[in-house]
Protein backbone atom coordinates (compact mmCIF):
# COMPACT_ATOMS: atom_id res chain seq x y z
CA MET A 1 89.44 54.46 -76.16
CA ALA A 2 86.57 53.75 -78.46
CA ARG A 3 87.65 50.14 -78.70
CA LYS A 4 87.82 49.68 -75.02
CA LYS A 5 84.33 51.08 -74.51
CA HIS A 6 83.01 48.76 -77.26
CA LYS A 7 84.75 45.77 -75.77
CA SER A 8 83.24 46.66 -72.34
CA LYS A 9 79.72 46.88 -73.78
CA ARG A 10 80.10 43.51 -75.36
CA SER A 11 81.50 42.13 -72.05
CA SER A 12 78.47 43.37 -70.32
CA ALA A 13 76.09 41.97 -72.69
CA SER A 14 78.00 38.59 -72.41
CA ASN A 15 77.71 38.69 -68.66
CA THR A 16 74.01 39.26 -68.93
CA LYS A 17 73.51 36.26 -71.14
CA LYS A 18 75.54 34.21 -68.72
CA HIS A 19 73.25 35.32 -65.91
CA LEU A 20 70.13 34.35 -67.92
CA LEU A 21 71.82 30.96 -68.85
CA ASN A 22 72.45 30.22 -65.15
CA LYS A 23 68.99 31.35 -64.14
CA TYR A 24 66.95 29.38 -66.78
CA PHE A 25 69.25 26.45 -67.69
CA ARG A 26 70.78 25.19 -64.39
CA ARG A 27 72.79 22.20 -64.72
CA SER A 28 70.93 18.86 -63.61
CA SER A 29 71.19 15.25 -64.51
CA THR A 30 67.55 15.20 -65.41
CA ASP A 31 67.08 18.31 -67.52
CA LEU A 32 70.31 19.41 -69.07
CA ILE A 33 72.34 17.61 -71.75
CA GLU A 34 75.47 18.29 -73.54
CA GLU A 35 76.22 16.92 -77.08
CA LYS A 36 79.41 17.31 -79.09
CA SER A 37 78.74 18.90 -82.44
CA THR A 38 78.80 16.71 -85.47
CA ASP A 39 77.84 17.07 -89.03
CA ASP A 40 75.82 13.81 -89.21
CA GLU A 41 73.04 15.08 -87.24
CA SER A 42 67.57 18.26 -88.28
CA ALA A 43 63.68 18.16 -86.79
CA ASN A 44 59.94 18.37 -87.58
CA ILE A 45 57.48 20.31 -85.45
CA LEU A 46 53.98 21.96 -85.02
CA ASN A 47 54.04 24.87 -82.72
CA THR A 48 53.05 23.34 -79.47
CA ASN A 49 53.15 26.44 -77.22
CA ASN A 50 50.00 25.30 -75.60
CA ASP A 51 50.45 21.51 -75.36
CA SER A 52 52.78 19.35 -73.20
CA VAL A 53 55.61 17.69 -74.82
CA ASP A 54 57.30 14.26 -74.32
CA PRO A 55 59.17 14.53 -71.07
CA ALA A 56 61.84 12.20 -72.51
CA SER A 57 62.53 14.45 -75.45
CA SER A 58 65.59 16.58 -75.72
CA TRP A 59 65.44 20.30 -76.90
CA ILE A 60 68.10 22.33 -78.53
CA ILE A 61 68.67 25.88 -77.09
CA VAL A 62 68.70 28.51 -79.63
CA GLU A 63 70.14 31.80 -78.70
CA LEU A 64 68.73 35.26 -80.03
CA PHE A 65 70.61 38.47 -80.50
CA GLU A 66 70.57 40.84 -77.61
CA ASP A 67 68.40 43.40 -79.33
CA THR A 68 65.84 40.92 -80.39
CA SER A 69 62.26 41.01 -78.64
CA LEU A 70 59.98 38.05 -78.71
CA GLU A 71 57.03 40.57 -78.68
CA SER A 72 58.38 42.44 -81.66
CA HIS A 73 59.96 39.66 -83.74
CA TYR A 74 57.96 36.72 -83.00
CA GLU A 75 56.70 36.19 -86.60
CA GLN A 76 60.33 36.52 -87.97
CA ILE A 77 61.62 33.86 -85.55
CA GLU A 78 58.74 31.49 -86.26
CA HIS A 79 59.05 31.97 -89.93
CA CYS A 80 62.79 31.17 -89.84
CA ILE A 81 62.40 28.10 -87.84
CA ARG A 82 59.63 26.77 -90.31
CA ASP A 83 61.54 27.74 -93.41
CA VAL A 84 64.89 26.31 -92.47
CA LEU A 85 63.80 23.27 -90.26
CA GLY A 86 60.36 22.40 -91.98
CA SER A 87 56.76 23.37 -91.30
CA GLN A 88 56.33 20.27 -88.92
CA THR A 89 59.24 21.12 -86.66
CA GLU A 90 58.31 21.16 -82.96
CA TYR A 91 59.41 24.33 -81.25
CA PHE A 92 58.60 26.25 -78.16
CA ILE A 93 58.92 30.14 -78.26
CA PRO A 94 58.39 31.38 -74.59
CA VAL A 95 55.73 33.83 -75.30
CA TYR A 96 52.00 33.72 -75.36
CA LYS A 97 50.66 35.47 -78.52
CA GLU A 98 47.15 35.94 -79.96
CA LYS A 99 45.46 38.34 -82.48
CA VAL A 100 42.36 39.93 -81.03
CA ARG A 101 40.22 42.39 -83.23
CA GLY A 102 43.33 43.14 -85.42
CA LYS A 103 45.50 43.69 -82.30
CA ILE A 104 48.25 41.45 -81.17
CA VAL A 105 48.34 40.74 -77.38
CA CYS A 106 51.15 38.91 -75.80
CA PHE A 107 52.95 37.90 -72.59
CA VAL A 108 56.63 37.13 -72.62
CA LEU A 109 57.84 34.53 -70.13
CA PHE A 110 61.67 35.42 -70.73
CA GLU A 111 63.71 36.77 -73.49
CA GLY A 112 66.98 35.55 -75.36
CA TYR A 113 66.16 32.03 -76.30
CA VAL A 114 63.83 29.61 -78.07
CA PHE A 115 63.81 25.81 -78.20
CA VAL A 116 63.60 23.11 -80.97
CA ARG A 117 63.09 19.63 -80.50
CA ARG A 118 66.10 17.57 -81.14
CA THR A 119 66.07 14.88 -83.92
CA ASP A 120 69.02 13.61 -86.12
CA GLU A 121 67.65 15.54 -89.01
CA ILE A 122 67.35 18.76 -87.03
CA VAL A 123 70.87 18.60 -85.86
CA ARG A 124 72.00 18.26 -89.35
CA ASN A 125 70.26 21.57 -90.26
CA ILE A 126 70.55 23.45 -86.95
CA PHE A 127 73.58 25.26 -88.21
CA ARG A 128 71.52 26.96 -90.85
CA LEU A 129 69.12 28.34 -88.35
CA LYS A 130 70.47 31.87 -88.40
CA ASN A 131 69.12 35.39 -89.41
CA GLU A 132 69.21 39.01 -88.18
CA HIS A 133 67.30 37.94 -85.00
CA ILE A 134 68.58 34.25 -84.40
CA LYS A 135 72.26 33.99 -83.27
CA GLY A 136 72.17 30.12 -83.62
CA ALA A 137 72.15 26.97 -81.45
CA LEU A 138 73.78 27.57 -78.07
CA PHE A 139 77.27 25.84 -77.66
CA VAL A 140 79.18 25.70 -74.47
CA SER A 141 82.79 24.48 -74.52
CA LYS A 142 82.16 23.27 -78.20
CA CYS A 143 79.15 21.08 -76.94
CA LEU A 144 75.67 21.62 -78.29
CA ARG A 145 73.59 22.61 -75.09
CA LEU A 146 70.30 20.87 -74.83
CA ILE A 147 67.43 20.78 -72.24
CA SER A 148 64.83 18.04 -71.48
CA GLY A 149 61.19 17.94 -72.29
CA VAL A 150 60.66 17.94 -68.51
CA ARG A 151 62.08 21.48 -68.49
CA VAL A 152 60.18 22.78 -71.54
CA ASN A 153 56.87 21.41 -69.88
CA GLU A 154 58.00 23.39 -66.74
CA TYR A 155 58.28 26.55 -68.75
CA LYS A 156 54.95 26.07 -70.52
CA LYS A 157 53.22 25.40 -67.05
CA ARG A 158 54.94 28.54 -65.74
CA MET A 159 53.60 30.57 -68.60
CA SER A 160 50.16 29.09 -68.36
CA ASP A 161 50.14 29.76 -64.64
CA ARG A 162 51.17 33.36 -65.15
CA ILE A 163 48.49 34.09 -67.83
CA LYS A 164 45.79 32.51 -65.29
CA SER A 165 46.86 34.88 -62.72
CA MET A 166 46.10 37.75 -65.01
CA ILE A 167 42.40 36.74 -65.34
CA PRO A 168 40.28 39.26 -63.31
CA GLU A 169 37.07 38.41 -61.49
CA LYS A 170 33.65 39.65 -62.02
CA GLY A 171 33.23 43.03 -60.48
CA GLN A 172 36.85 44.02 -60.70
CA ARG A 173 37.99 47.33 -62.01
CA VAL A 174 40.37 47.11 -64.95
CA ILE A 175 42.12 49.41 -67.49
CA PRO A 176 43.05 48.18 -71.05
CA LYS A 177 46.67 48.60 -72.09
CA ILE A 178 45.88 49.03 -75.78
CA GLY A 179 42.81 49.61 -78.15
CA VAL A 180 40.07 52.28 -78.38
CA PHE A 181 39.57 51.93 -74.51
CA LYS A 182 43.21 52.22 -73.59
CA ASN A 183 43.67 53.90 -70.16
CA LEU A 184 39.86 53.97 -69.58
CA GLU A 185 38.71 52.51 -66.47
CA GLY A 186 35.88 49.87 -66.74
CA GLU A 187 34.21 47.01 -64.78
CA VAL A 188 34.28 43.34 -65.55
CA LEU A 189 30.97 41.97 -66.17
CA SER A 190 31.80 38.25 -67.09
CA ILE A 191 34.91 36.11 -68.19
CA ASP A 192 35.35 33.44 -70.75
CA LYS A 193 38.41 31.65 -69.01
CA LYS A 194 38.84 29.33 -72.03
CA LYS A 195 39.37 32.12 -74.51
CA LEU A 196 40.76 34.38 -71.98
CA ILE A 197 38.24 37.06 -72.81
CA ALA A 198 36.80 39.61 -70.23
CA LEU A 199 33.46 41.51 -71.09
CA VAL A 200 34.12 44.85 -69.67
CA ARG A 201 31.68 47.92 -69.14
CA PHE A 202 33.02 51.29 -69.83
CA GLU A 203 31.42 54.80 -69.30
CA LYS A 204 32.37 57.31 -71.58
CA ALA A 205 30.79 60.72 -72.52
CA SER A 206 27.60 59.77 -70.81
CA ARG A 207 27.57 56.42 -72.87
CA VAL A 208 27.85 52.91 -71.46
CA VAL A 209 29.68 50.48 -73.77
CA GLU A 210 30.41 46.85 -73.27
CA ALA A 211 33.54 45.45 -75.07
CA PRO A 212 35.21 41.87 -74.99
CA ILE A 213 39.01 42.34 -74.23
CA ASN A 214 41.75 39.74 -73.93
CA VAL A 215 43.00 39.44 -70.28
CA VAL A 216 46.49 39.90 -71.31
CA ASN A 217 45.72 43.46 -72.28
CA LEU A 218 44.18 44.36 -68.99
CA PHE A 219 45.66 46.02 -65.83
CA ILE A 220 43.65 45.01 -62.74
CA ILE A 221 43.26 47.93 -60.38
CA SER A 222 40.73 46.68 -57.70
CA LYS A 223 39.23 43.80 -55.87
CA PRO A 224 35.72 42.62 -56.93
CA THR A 225 32.94 44.77 -55.27
CA CYS A 226 31.24 43.10 -52.37
CA ASN A 227 27.64 43.21 -53.82
CA ILE A 228 28.68 41.68 -56.99
CA SER A 229 30.74 38.89 -55.27
CA LEU A 230 27.59 38.01 -53.26
CA LEU A 231 25.70 37.63 -56.41
CA THR A 232 28.00 35.02 -57.71
CA HIS A 233 27.56 32.58 -54.84
């Protein structure tokens, strides 16, 4: 009985992976490539999460284990890629991550996969890219699964657009998700859209405190008040 249950769980996890694969990597002549595995074929990259990539480039899909979280294991994944494939390897991890005042803030676009730009050298070494979080390069029917630079840029734009949608306006009421002001309601005084920092005013124990907080760490709970909106025009 135990074996059947275990098999059922693995089957369920496999079905979930297939669903994600179909959702994010739909077959298309312009963005999906299959390459038969060979032993003749490795890559160099700089982490370009915030930059566009060459649309004509092709990227290896690297699969993560089911219990791996990009938010929790970002550093381990990044370290493994750089250690195995080289510090100049070009890769894309679909997460925005930044350290603000000792706290890590992040937004994950989707879990389960990271991407490495394909070169002949990278392909030669991609089979070594495995650890407790990285399952390895994704193969389907014994073919190495790749996506195009067009699709990678699409993911980057989607992530950028999602982060921009998190930016509050002056006068809105917000609540921080982490930090000393966690769960305390405050009012946005100003926004630095380039650095994604909101200056928020809090009232606590008869004191008024102003604090800079990354927008990814904020819940927006109201529209800007009318009088403040008028002052901005």
